[in-house]
PDB file of all heavy atoms in Angstrom:
ATOM      1  N   PHE A   1       0.814  -1.225   0.000  1.00  0.00           N
ATOM      2  CA  PHE A   1       0.000   0.000   0.000  1.00  0.00           C
ATOM      3  C   PHE A   1       0.850   1.278   0.000  1.00  0.00           C
ATOM      4  O   PHE A   1       0.684   2.146   0.849  1.00  0.00           O
ATOM      5  CB  PHE A   1      -0.964   0.012   1.200  1.00  0.00           C
ATOM      6  CG  PHE A   1      -1.924  -1.141   1.227  1.00  0.00           C
ATOM      7  CD1 PHE A   1      -1.655  -2.283   1.972  1.00  0.00           C
ATOM      8  CD2 PHE A   1      -3.099  -1.083   0.490  1.00  0.00           C
ATOM      9  CE1 PHE A   1      -2.542  -3.349   1.985  1.00  0.00           C
ATOM     10  CE2 PHE A   1      -4.004  -2.147   0.506  1.00  0.00           C
ATOM     11  CZ  PHE A   1      -3.722  -3.284   1.249  1.00  0.00           C
ATOM     12  N   PRO A   2       1.750   1.415  -0.951  1.00  0.00           N
ATOM     13  CA  PRO A   2       2.544   2.655  -1.017  1.00  0.00           C
ATOM     14  C   PRO A   2       1.670   3.836  -1.431  1.00  0.00           C
ATOM     15  O   PRO A   2       0.591   3.663  -2.014  1.00  0.00           O
ATOM     16  CB  PRO A   2       3.583   2.338  -2.099  1.00  0.00           C
ATOM     17  CG  PRO A   2       2.879   1.360  -3.000  1.00  0.00           C
ATOM     18  CD  PRO A   2       2.050   0.505  -2.081  1.00  0.00           C
ATOM     19  N   GLU A   3       2.144   5.052  -1.145  1.00  0.00           N
ATOM     20  CA  GLU A   3       1.431   6.248  -1.584  1.00  0.00           C
ATOM     21  C   GLU A   3       1.400   6.352  -3.100  1.00  0.00           C
ATOM     22  O   GLU A   3       0.403   6.766  -3.695  1.00  0.00           O
ATOM     23  CB  GLU A   3       2.110   7.505  -1.028  1.00  0.00           C
ATOM     24  CG  GLU A   3       2.064   7.646   0.465  1.00  0.00           C
ATOM     25  CD  GLU A   3       2.833   8.878   0.914  1.00  0.00           C
ATOM     26  OE1 GLU A   3       2.247   9.977   0.874  1.00  0.00           O
ATOM     27  OE2 GLU A   3       4.008   8.735   1.301  1.00  0.00           O
ATOM     28  N   MET A   4       2.516   6.028  -3.711  1.00  0.00           N
ATOM     29  CA  MET A   4       2.674   6.106  -5.166  1.00  0.00           C
ATOM     30  C   MET A   4       3.389   4.858  -5.659  1.00  0.00           C
ATOM     31  O   MET A   4       4.077   4.186  -4.878  1.00  0.00           O
ATOM     32  CB  MET A   4       3.533   7.314  -5.569  1.00  0.00           C
ATOM     33  CG  MET A   4       3.015   8.660  -5.217  1.00  0.00           C
ATOM     34  SD  MET A   4       4.135   9.956  -5.878  1.00  0.00           S
ATOM     35  CE  MET A   4       3.698   9.908  -7.627  1.00  0.00           C
ATOM     36  N   ALA A   5       3.245   4.580  -6.932  1.00  0.00           N
ATOM     37  CA  ALA A   5       4.043   3.548  -7.594  1.00  0.00           C
ATOM     38  C   ALA A   5       4.070   3.892  -9.082  1.00  0.00           C
ATOM     39  O   ALA A   5       3.243   4.666  -9.571  1.00  0.00           O
ATOM     40  CB  ALA A   5       3.451   2.161  -7.379  1.00  0.00           C
ATOM     41  N   THR A   6       5.018   3.329  -9.791  1.00  0.00           N
ATOM     42  CA  THR A   6       5.129   3.625 -11.213  1.00  0.00           C
ATOM     43  C   THR A   6       4.185   2.755 -12.030  1.00  0.00           C
ATOM     44  O   THR A   6       3.912   1.601 -11.696  1.00  0.00           O
ATOM     45  CB  THR A   6       6.569   3.420 -11.710  1.00  0.00           C
ATOM     46  OG1 THR A   6       6.992   2.079 -11.412  1.00  0.00           O
ATOM     47  CG2 THR A   6       7.509   4.413 -11.061  1.00  0.00           C
ATOM     48  N   LEU A   7       3.691   3.327 -13.123  1.00  0.00           N
ATOM     49  CA  LEU A   7       2.826   2.624 -14.064  1.00  0.00           C
ATOM     50  C   LEU A   7       3.381   2.879 -15.462  1.00  0.00           C
ATOM     51  O   LEU A   7       3.287   3.986 -15.994  1.00  0.00           O
ATOM     52  CB  LEU A   7       1.390   3.145 -13.966  1.00  0.00           C
ATOM     53  CG  LEU A   7       0.403   2.597 -15.003  1.00  0.00           C
ATOM     54  CD1 LEU A   7       0.210   1.093 -14.832  1.00  0.00           C
ATOM     55  CD2 LEU A   7      -0.933   3.328 -14.920  1.00  0.00           C
ATOM     56  N   ASP A   8       3.996   1.850 -16.045  1.00  0.00           N
ATOM     57  CA  ASP A   8       4.586   1.984 -17.376  1.00  0.00           C
ATOM     58  C   ASP A   8       3.506   1.796 -18.427  1.00  0.00           C
ATOM     59  O   ASP A   8       2.793   0.795 -18.421  1.00  0.00           O
ATOM     60  CB  ASP A   8       5.702   0.954 -17.554  1.00  0.00           C
ATOM     61  CG  ASP A   8       6.865   1.224 -16.621  1.00  0.00           C
ATOM     62  OD1 ASP A   8       7.666   2.108 -16.948  1.00  0.00           O
ATOM     63  OD2 ASP A   8       6.947   0.577 -15.565  1.00  0.00           O
ATOM     64  N   CYS A   9       3.393   2.769 -19.339  1.00  0.00           N
ATOM     65  CA  CYS A   9       2.267   2.793 -20.277  1.00  0.00           C
ATOM     66  C   CYS A   9       2.644   2.408 -21.699  1.00  0.00           C
ATOM     67  O   CYS A   9       2.051   2.892 -22.658  1.00  0.00           O
ATOM     68  CB  CYS A   9       1.580   4.156 -20.227  1.00  0.00           C
ATOM     69  SG  CYS A   9       0.349   4.220 -18.894  1.00  0.00           S
ATOM     70  N   GLY A  10       3.620   1.514 -21.830  1.00  0.00           N
ATOM     71  CA  GLY A  10       3.961   1.008 -23.149  1.00  0.00           C
ATOM     72  C   GLY A  10       5.231   0.187 -23.126  1.00  0.00           C
ATOM     73  O   GLY A  10       5.945   0.147 -22.122  1.00  0.00           O
ATOM     74  N   SER A  11       5.500  -0.469 -24.233  1.00  0.00           N
ATOM     75  CA  SER A  11       6.692  -1.309 -24.368  1.00  0.00           C
ATOM     76  C   SER A  11       7.822  -0.518 -25.011  1.00  0.00           C
ATOM     77  O   SER A  11       7.594   0.424 -25.768  1.00  0.00           O
ATOM     78  CB  SER A  11       6.378  -2.544 -25.219  1.00  0.00           C
ATOM     79  OG  SER A  11       5.338  -3.305 -24.634  1.00  0.00           O
ATOM     80  N   VAL A  12       9.060  -0.935 -24.693  1.00  0.00           N
ATOM     81  CA  VAL A  12      10.241  -0.241 -25.208  1.00  0.00           C
ATOM     82  C   VAL A  12      11.281  -1.268 -25.634  1.00  0.00           C
ATOM     83  O   VAL A  12      11.542  -2.235 -24.907  1.00  0.00           O
ATOM     84  CB  VAL A  12      10.875   0.685 -24.140  1.00  0.00           C
ATOM     85  CG1 VAL A  12      11.986   1.528 -24.765  1.00  0.00           C
ATOM     86  CG2 VAL A  12       9.843   1.570 -23.475  1.00  0.00           C
ATOM     87  N   ASN A  13      11.887  -1.055 -26.814  1.00  0.00           N
ATOM     88  CA  ASN A  13      13.038  -1.852 -27.240  1.00  0.00           C
ATOM     89  C   ASN A  13      14.292  -1.232 -26.638  1.00  0.00           C
ATOM     90  O   ASN A  13      14.786  -0.216 -27.139  1.00  0.00           O
ATOM     91  CB  ASN A  13      13.144  -1.875 -28.765  1.00  0.00           C
ATOM     92  CG  ASN A  13      12.014  -2.640 -29.412  1.00  0.00           C
ATOM     93  OD1 ASN A  13      11.509  -3.614 -28.856  1.00  0.00           O
ATOM     94  ND2 ASN A  13      11.599  -2.211 -30.591  1.00  0.00           N
ATOM     95  N   PHE A  14      14.817  -1.830 -25.574  1.00  0.00           N
ATOM     96  CA  PHE A  14      15.976  -1.267 -24.893  1.00  0.00           C
ATOM     97  C   PHE A  14      17.280  -1.508 -25.644  1.00  0.00           C
ATOM     98  O   PHE A  14      18.296  -0.916 -25.337  1.00  0.00           O
ATOM     99  CB  PHE A  14      16.090  -1.832 -23.481  1.00  0.00           C
ATOM    100  CG  PHE A  14      15.175  -1.172 -22.478  1.00  0.00           C
ATOM    101  CD1 PHE A  14      14.786  -1.853 -21.342  1.00  0.00           C
ATOM    102  CD2 PHE A  14      14.717   0.121 -22.652  1.00  0.00           C
ATOM    103  CE1 PHE A  14      13.964  -1.255 -20.399  1.00  0.00           C
ATOM    104  CE2 PHE A  14      13.887   0.735 -21.723  1.00  0.00           C
ATOM    105  CZ  PHE A  14      13.505   0.031 -20.589  1.00  0.00           C
ATOM    106  N   GLY A  15      17.273  -2.404 -26.613  1.00  0.00           N
ATOM    107  CA  GLY A  15      18.497  -2.681 -27.375  1.00  0.00           C
ATOM    108  C   GLY A  15      18.738  -4.170 -27.464  1.00  0.00           C
ATOM    109  O   GLY A  15      18.403  -4.925 -26.535  1.00  0.00           O
ATOM    110  N   GLY A  16      19.333  -4.611 -28.573  1.00  0.00           N
ATOM    111  CA  GLY A  16      19.568  -6.034 -28.762  1.00  0.00           C
ATOM    112  C   GLY A  16      18.256  -6.794 -28.705  1.00  0.00           C
ATOM    113  O   GLY A  16      17.307  -6.466 -29.411  1.00  0.00           O
ATOM    114  N   ASP A  17      18.203  -7.805 -27.850  1.00  0.00           N
ATOM    115  CA  ASP A  17      16.966  -8.579 -27.676  1.00  0.00           C
ATOM    116  C   ASP A  17      16.168  -8.160 -26.449  1.00  0.00           C
ATOM    117  O   ASP A  17      15.183  -8.805 -26.103  1.00  0.00           O
ATOM    118  CB  ASP A  17      17.303 -10.078 -27.557  1.00  0.00           C
ATOM    119  CG  ASP A  17      17.864 -10.650 -28.851  1.00  0.00           C
ATOM    120  OD1 ASP A  17      17.382 -10.236 -29.930  1.00  0.00           O
ATOM    121  OD2 ASP A  17      18.778 -11.493 -28.786  1.00  0.00           O
ATOM    122  N   GLU A  18      16.576  -7.075 -25.778  1.00  0.00           N
ATOM    123  CA  GLU A  18      15.892  -6.639 -24.560  1.00  0.00           C
ATOM    124  C   GLU A  18      14.651  -5.817 -24.903  1.00  0.00           C
ATOM    125  O   GLU A  18      14.754  -4.724 -25.470  1.00  0.00           O
ATOM    126  CB  GLU A  18      16.822  -5.800 -23.675  1.00  0.00           C
ATOM    127  CG  GLU A  18      17.721  -6.621 -22.780  1.00  0.00           C
ATOM    128  CD  GLU A  18      18.133  -5.863 -21.517  1.00  0.00           C
ATOM    129  OE1 GLU A  18      17.866  -4.647 -21.421  1.00  0.00           O
ATOM    130  OE2 GLU A  18      18.707  -6.499 -20.626  1.00  0.00           O
ATOM    131  N   VAL A  19      13.496  -6.341 -24.536  1.00  0.00           N
ATOM    132  CA  VAL A  19      12.232  -5.637 -24.730  1.00  0.00           C
ATOM    133  C   VAL A  19      11.550  -5.505 -23.371  1.00  0.00           C
ATOM    134  O   VAL A  19      11.294  -6.501 -22.694  1.00  0.00           O
ATOM    135  CB  VAL A  19      11.299  -6.385 -25.703  1.00  0.00           C
ATOM    136  CG1 VAL A  19       9.980  -5.619 -25.860  1.00  0.00           C
ATOM    137  CG2 VAL A  19      11.964  -6.581 -27.057  1.00  0.00           C
ATOM    138  N   PHE A  20      11.276  -4.258 -22.972  1.00  0.00           N
ATOM    139  CA  PHE A  20      10.518  -3.999 -21.756  1.00  0.00           C
ATOM    140  C   PHE A  20       9.055  -4.040 -22.161  1.00  0.00           C
ATOM    141  O   PHE A  20       8.535  -3.108 -22.765  1.00  0.00           O
ATOM    142  CB  PHE A  20      10.903  -2.650 -21.168  1.00  0.00           C
ATOM    143  CG  PHE A  20      10.177  -2.288 -19.894  1.00  0.00           C
ATOM    144  CD1 PHE A  20       9.862  -3.260 -18.957  1.00  0.00           C
ATOM    145  CD2 PHE A  20       9.824  -0.975 -19.648  1.00  0.00           C
ATOM    146  CE1 PHE A  20       9.198  -2.930 -17.787  1.00  0.00           C
ATOM    147  CE2 PHE A  20       9.166  -0.628 -18.484  1.00  0.00           C
ATOM    148  CZ  PHE A  20       8.842  -1.606 -17.543  1.00  0.00           C
ATOM    149  N   LEU A  21       8.404  -5.161 -21.836  1.00  0.00           N
ATOM    150  CA  LEU A  21       7.092  -5.465 -22.388  1.00  0.00           C
ATOM    151  C   LEU A  21       5.966  -5.012 -21.463  1.00  0.00           C
ATOM    152  O   LEU A  21       5.900  -5.400 -20.292  1.00  0.00           O
ATOM    153  CB  LEU A  21       6.989  -6.978 -22.635  1.00  0.00           C
ATOM    154  CG  LEU A  21       5.753  -7.468 -23.391  1.00  0.00           C
ATOM    155  CD1 LEU A  21       5.720  -6.882 -24.800  1.00  0.00           C
ATOM    156  CD2 LEU A  21       5.750  -8.998 -23.445  1.00  0.00           C
ATOM    157  N   ASN A  22       5.090  -4.183 -22.015  1.00  0.00           N
ATOM    158  CA  ASN A  22       3.881  -3.754 -21.299  1.00  0.00           C
ATOM    159  C   ASN A  22       2.734  -3.735 -22.295  1.00  0.00           C
ATOM    160  O   ASN A  22       2.525  -2.753 -23.014  1.00  0.00           O
ATOM    161  CB  ASN A  22       4.078  -2.356 -20.695  1.00  0.00           C
ATOM    162  CG  ASN A  22       5.102  -2.346 -19.579  1.00  0.00           C
ATOM    163  OD1 ASN A  22       4.832  -2.777 -18.466  1.00  0.00           O
ATOM    164  ND2 ASN A  22       6.303  -1.872 -19.890  1.00  0.00           N
ATOM    165  N   THR A  23       2.000  -4.849 -22.380  1.00  0.00           N
ATOM    166  CA  THR A  23       0.866  -4.923 -23.282  1.00  0.00           C
ATOM    167  C   THR A  23      -0.272  -4.061 -22.743  1.00  0.00           C
ATOM    168  O   THR A  23      -0.262  -3.628 -21.583  1.00  0.00           O
ATOM    169  CB  THR A  23       0.364  -6.364 -23.413  1.00  0.00           C
ATOM    170  OG1 THR A  23      -0.185  -6.776 -22.148  1.00  0.00           O
ATOM    171  CG2 THR A  23       1.494  -7.312 -23.821  1.00  0.00           C
ATOM    172  N   GLU A  24      -1.277  -3.830 -23.585  1.00  0.00           N
ATOM    173  CA  GLU A  24      -2.439  -3.068 -23.127  1.00  0.00           C
ATOM    174  C   GLU A  24      -3.086  -3.739 -21.921  1.00  0.00           C
ATOM    175  O   GLU A  24      -3.471  -3.072 -20.945  1.00  0.00           O
ATOM    176  CB  GLU A  24      -3.456  -2.913 -24.250  1.00  0.00           C
ATOM    177  CG  GLU A  24      -4.658  -2.076 -23.838  1.00  0.00           C
ATOM    178  CD  GLU A  24      -5.712  -1.964 -24.920  1.00  0.00           C
ATOM    179  OE1 GLU A  24      -5.715  -2.817 -25.842  1.00  0.00           O
ATOM    180  OE2 GLU A  24      -6.536  -1.037 -24.836  1.00  0.00           O
ATOM    181  N   ASN A  25      -3.194  -5.067 -21.946  1.00  0.00           N
ATOM    182  CA  ASN A  25      -3.815  -5.764 -20.823  1.00  0.00           C
ATOM    183  C   ASN A  25      -2.973  -5.673 -19.555  1.00  0.00           C
ATOM    184  O   ASN A  25      -3.517  -5.581 -18.451  1.00  0.00           O
ATOM    185  CB  ASN A  25      -4.082  -7.223 -21.181  1.00  0.00           C
ATOM    186  CG  ASN A  25      -5.262  -7.379 -22.125  1.00  0.00           C
ATOM    187  OD1 ASN A  25      -6.104  -6.489 -22.230  1.00  0.00           O
ATOM    188  ND2 ASN A  25      -5.322  -8.497 -22.833  1.00  0.00           N
ATOM    189  N   THR A  26      -1.652  -5.688 -19.715  1.00  0.00           N
ATOM    190  CA  THR A  26      -0.770  -5.503 -18.553  1.00  0.00           C
ATOM    191  C   THR A  26      -0.994  -4.124 -17.943  1.00  0.00           C
ATOM    192  O   THR A  26      -1.132  -3.993 -16.722  1.00  0.00           O
ATOM    193  CB  THR A  26       0.701  -5.653 -18.970  1.00  0.00           C
ATOM    194  OG1 THR A  26       0.965  -7.025 -19.284  1.00  0.00           O
ATOM    195  CG2 THR A  26       1.649  -5.217 -17.847  1.00  0.00           C
ATOM    196  N   ILE A  27      -1.022  -3.098 -18.772  1.00  0.00           N
ATOM    197  CA  ILE A  27      -1.210  -1.740 -18.262  1.00  0.00           C
ATOM    198  C   ILE A  27      -2.558  -1.636 -17.541  1.00  0.00           C
ATOM    199  O   ILE A  27      -2.647  -1.073 -16.444  1.00  0.00           O
ATOM    200  CB  ILE A  27      -1.126  -0.715 -19.410  1.00  0.00           C
ATOM    201  CG1 ILE A  27       0.241  -0.791 -20.096  1.00  0.00           C
ATOM    202  CG2 ILE A  27      -1.359   0.700 -18.877  1.00  0.00           C
ATOM    203  CD1 ILE A  27       0.280  -0.092 -21.450  1.00  0.00           C
ATOM    204  N   LYS A  28      -3.597  -2.198 -18.125  1.00  0.00           N
ATOM    205  CA  LYS A  28      -4.918  -2.169 -17.489  1.00  0.00           C
ATOM    206  C   LYS A  28      -4.899  -2.905 -16.150  1.00  0.00           C
ATOM    207  O   LYS A  28      -5.499  -2.443 -15.165  1.00  0.00           O
ATOM    208  CB  LYS A  28      -5.963  -2.805 -18.414  1.00  0.00           C
ATOM    209  CG  LYS A  28      -6.341  -1.955 -19.616  1.00  0.00           C
ATOM    210  CD  LYS A  28      -7.360  -2.679 -20.470  1.00  0.00           C
ATOM    211  CE  LYS A  28      -7.857  -1.823 -21.617  1.00  0.00           C
ATOM    212  NZ  LYS A  28      -8.839  -2.557 -22.476  1.00  0.00           N
ATOM    213  N   GLU A  29      -4.248  -4.051 -16.111  1.00  0.00           N
ATOM    214  CA  GLU A  29      -4.184  -4.836 -14.870  1.00  0.00           C
ATOM    215  C   GLU A  29      -3.490  -4.052 -13.763  1.00  0.00           C
ATOM    216  O   GLU A  29      -3.983  -3.970 -12.633  1.00  0.00           O
ATOM    217  CB  GLU A  29      -3.441  -6.154 -15.131  1.00  0.00           C
ATOM    218  CG  GLU A  29      -3.338  -7.049 -13.912  1.00  0.00           C
ATOM    219  CD  GLU A  29      -2.560  -8.324 -14.170  1.00  0.00           C
ATOM    220  OE1 GLU A  29      -2.022  -8.490 -15.289  1.00  0.00           O
ATOM    221  OE2 GLU A  29      -2.478  -9.165 -13.240  1.00  0.00           O
ATOM    222  N   PHE A  30      -2.344  -3.451 -14.091  1.00  0.00           N
ATOM    223  CA  PHE A  30      -1.604  -2.688 -13.091  1.00  0.00           C
ATOM    224  C   PHE A  30      -2.400  -1.449 -12.656  1.00  0.00           C
ATOM    225  O   PHE A  30      -2.471  -1.136 -11.466  1.00  0.00           O
ATOM    226  CB  PHE A  30      -0.248  -2.251 -13.650  1.00  0.00           C
ATOM    227  CG  PHE A  30       0.807  -3.329 -13.657  1.00  0.00           C
ATOM    228  CD1 PHE A  30       0.534  -4.600 -14.135  1.00  0.00           C
ATOM    229  CD2 PHE A  30       2.086  -3.066 -13.217  1.00  0.00           C
ATOM    230  CE1 PHE A  30       1.507  -5.587 -14.150  1.00  0.00           C
ATOM    231  CE2 PHE A  30       3.081  -4.041 -13.227  1.00  0.00           C
ATOM    232  CZ  PHE A  30       2.786  -5.310 -13.702  1.00  0.00           C
ATOM    233  N   ALA A  31      -2.987  -0.750 -13.620  1.00  0.00           N
ATOM    234  CA  ALA A  31      -3.730   0.462 -13.307  1.00  0.00           C
ATOM    235  C   ALA A  31      -4.946   0.166 -12.436  1.00  0.00           C
ATOM    236  O   ALA A  31      -5.223   0.888 -11.463  1.00  0.00           O
ATOM    237  CB  ALA A  31      -4.162   1.155 -14.598  1.00  0.00           C
ATOM    238  N   ALA A  32      -5.673  -0.879 -12.766  1.00  0.00           N
ATOM    239  CA  ALA A  32      -6.858  -1.241 -11.977  1.00  0.00           C
ATOM    240  C   ALA A  32      -6.468  -1.611 -10.551  1.00  0.00           C
ATOM    241  O   ALA A  32      -7.171  -1.258  -9.588  1.00  0.00           O
ATOM    242  CB  ALA A  32      -7.596  -2.400 -12.652  1.00  0.00           C
ATOM    243  N   LYS A  33      -5.345  -2.295 -10.400  1.00  0.00           N
ATOM    244  CA  LYS A  33      -4.862  -2.657  -9.062  1.00  0.00           C
ATOM    245  C   LYS A  33      -4.532  -1.411  -8.254  1.00  0.00           C
ATOM    246  O   LYS A  33      -4.857  -1.317  -7.064  1.00  0.00           O
ATOM    247  CB  LYS A  33      -3.625  -3.545  -9.186  1.00  0.00           C
ATOM    248  CG  LYS A  33      -3.105  -4.116  -7.877  1.00  0.00           C
ATOM    249  CD  LYS A  33      -3.976  -5.250  -7.390  1.00  0.00           C
ATOM    250  CE  LYS A  33      -3.320  -6.016  -6.253  1.00  0.00           C
ATOM    251  NZ  LYS A  33      -4.195  -7.100  -5.747  1.00  0.00           N
ATOM    252  N   MET A  34      -3.902  -0.425  -8.879  1.00  0.00           N
ATOM    253  CA  MET A  34      -3.552   0.808  -8.181  1.00  0.00           C
ATOM    254  C   MET A  34      -4.796   1.584  -7.763  1.00  0.00           C
ATOM    255  O   MET A  34      -4.872   2.099  -6.644  1.00  0.00           O
ATOM    256  CB  MET A  34      -2.637   1.664  -9.066  1.00  0.00           C
ATOM    257  CG  MET A  34      -1.253   1.068  -9.253  1.00  0.00           C
ATOM    258  SD  MET A  34      -0.181   2.131 -10.257  1.00  0.00           S
ATOM    259  CE  MET A  34       1.156   0.982 -10.614  1.00  0.00           C
ATOM    260  N   VAL A  35      -5.791   1.651  -8.651  1.00  0.00           N
ATOM    261  CA  VAL A  35      -7.044   2.317  -8.286  1.00  0.00           C
ATOM    262  C   VAL A  35      -7.683   1.619  -7.100  1.00  0.00           C
ATOM    263  O   VAL A  35      -8.126   2.256  -6.136  1.00  0.00           O
ATOM    264  CB  VAL A  35      -8.010   2.357  -9.492  1.00  0.00           C
ATOM    265  CG1 VAL A  35      -9.410   2.807  -9.047  1.00  0.00           C
ATOM    266  CG2 VAL A  35      -7.493   3.290 -10.575  1.00  0.00           C
ATOM    267  N   ALA A  36      -7.732   0.294  -7.128  1.00  0.00           N
ATOM    268  CA  ALA A  36      -8.369  -0.477  -6.052  1.00  0.00           C
ATOM    269  C   ALA A  36      -7.673  -0.280  -4.712  1.00  0.00           C
ATOM    270  O   ALA A  36      -8.331  -0.271  -3.659  1.00  0.00           O
ATOM    271  CB  ALA A  36      -8.389  -1.957  -6.427  1.00  0.00           C
ATOM    272  N   LEU A  37      -6.349  -0.115  -4.740  1.00  0.00           N
ATOM    273  CA  LEU A  37      -5.574   0.012  -3.503  1.00  0.00           C
ATOM    274  C   LEU A  37      -5.344   1.461  -3.091  1.00  0.00           C
ATOM    275  O   LEU A  37      -4.732   1.715  -2.049  1.00  0.00           O
ATOM    276  CB  LEU A  37      -4.222  -0.694  -3.663  1.00  0.00           C
ATOM    277  CG  LEU A  37      -4.277  -2.217  -3.873  1.00  0.00           C
ATOM    278  CD1 LEU A  37      -2.875  -2.764  -4.128  1.00  0.00           C
ATOM    279  CD2 LEU A  37      -4.904  -2.911  -2.669  1.00  0.00           C
ATOM    280  N   GLY A  38      -5.813   2.408  -3.881  1.00  0.00           N
ATOM    281  CA  GLY A  38      -5.609   3.814  -3.555  1.00  0.00           C
ATOM    282  C   GLY A  38      -4.180   4.284  -3.727  1.00  0.00           C
ATOM    283  O   GLY A  38      -3.726   5.204  -3.037  1.00  0.00           O
ATOM    284  N   VAL A  39      -3.455   3.673  -4.664  1.00  0.00           N
ATOM    285  CA  VAL A  39      -2.059   4.033  -4.947  1.00  0.00           C
ATOM    286  C   VAL A  39      -2.049   4.987  -6.140  1.00  0.00           C
ATOM    287  O   VAL A  39      -2.596   4.664  -7.196  1.00  0.00           O
ATOM    288  CB  VAL A  39      -1.225   2.782  -5.277  1.00  0.00           C
ATOM    289  CG1 VAL A  39       0.208   3.168  -5.630  1.00  0.00           C
ATOM    290  CG2 VAL A  39      -1.258   1.793  -4.117  1.00  0.00           C
ATOM    291  N   LYS A  40      -1.433   6.151  -5.979  1.00  0.00           N
ATOM    292  CA  LYS A  40      -1.363   7.102  -7.101  1.00  0.00           C
ATOM    293  C   LYS A  40      -0.278   6.656  -8.070  1.00  0.00           C
ATOM    294  O   LYS A  40       0.871   6.477  -7.694  1.00  0.00           O
ATOM    295  CB  LYS A  40      -1.059   8.521  -6.624  1.00  0.00           C
ATOM    296  CG  LYS A  40      -1.102   9.535  -7.784  1.00  0.00           C
ATOM    297  CD  LYS A  40      -0.938  10.951  -7.310  1.00  0.00           C
ATOM    298  CE  LYS A  40      -0.983  11.938  -8.467  1.00  0.00           C
ATOM    299  NZ  LYS A  40      -2.327  12.123  -9.032  1.00  0.00           N
ATOM    300  N   PRO A  41      -0.624   6.474  -9.348  1.00  0.00           N
ATOM    301  CA  PRO A  41       0.409   6.084 -10.314  1.00  0.00           C
ATOM    302  C   PRO A  41       1.242   7.268 -10.782  1.00  0.00           C
ATOM    303  O   PRO A  41       0.716   8.359 -11.009  1.00  0.00           O
ATOM    304  CB  PRO A  41      -0.408   5.508 -11.471  1.00  0.00           C
ATOM    305  CG  PRO A  41      -1.720   6.206 -11.402  1.00  0.00           C
ATOM    306  CD  PRO A  41      -1.969   6.503  -9.948  1.00  0.00           C
TER     307      PRO A  41
END
């Protein structure tokens, strides 16, 4: 139950084969959890 937490709103190719993956469903899942817990993203 932190006051704030980060919410990444998309995927990024960091280089080589490294992909920071955030699908639309992942973003929705994280965002809905933060709303439910009262955590500001």
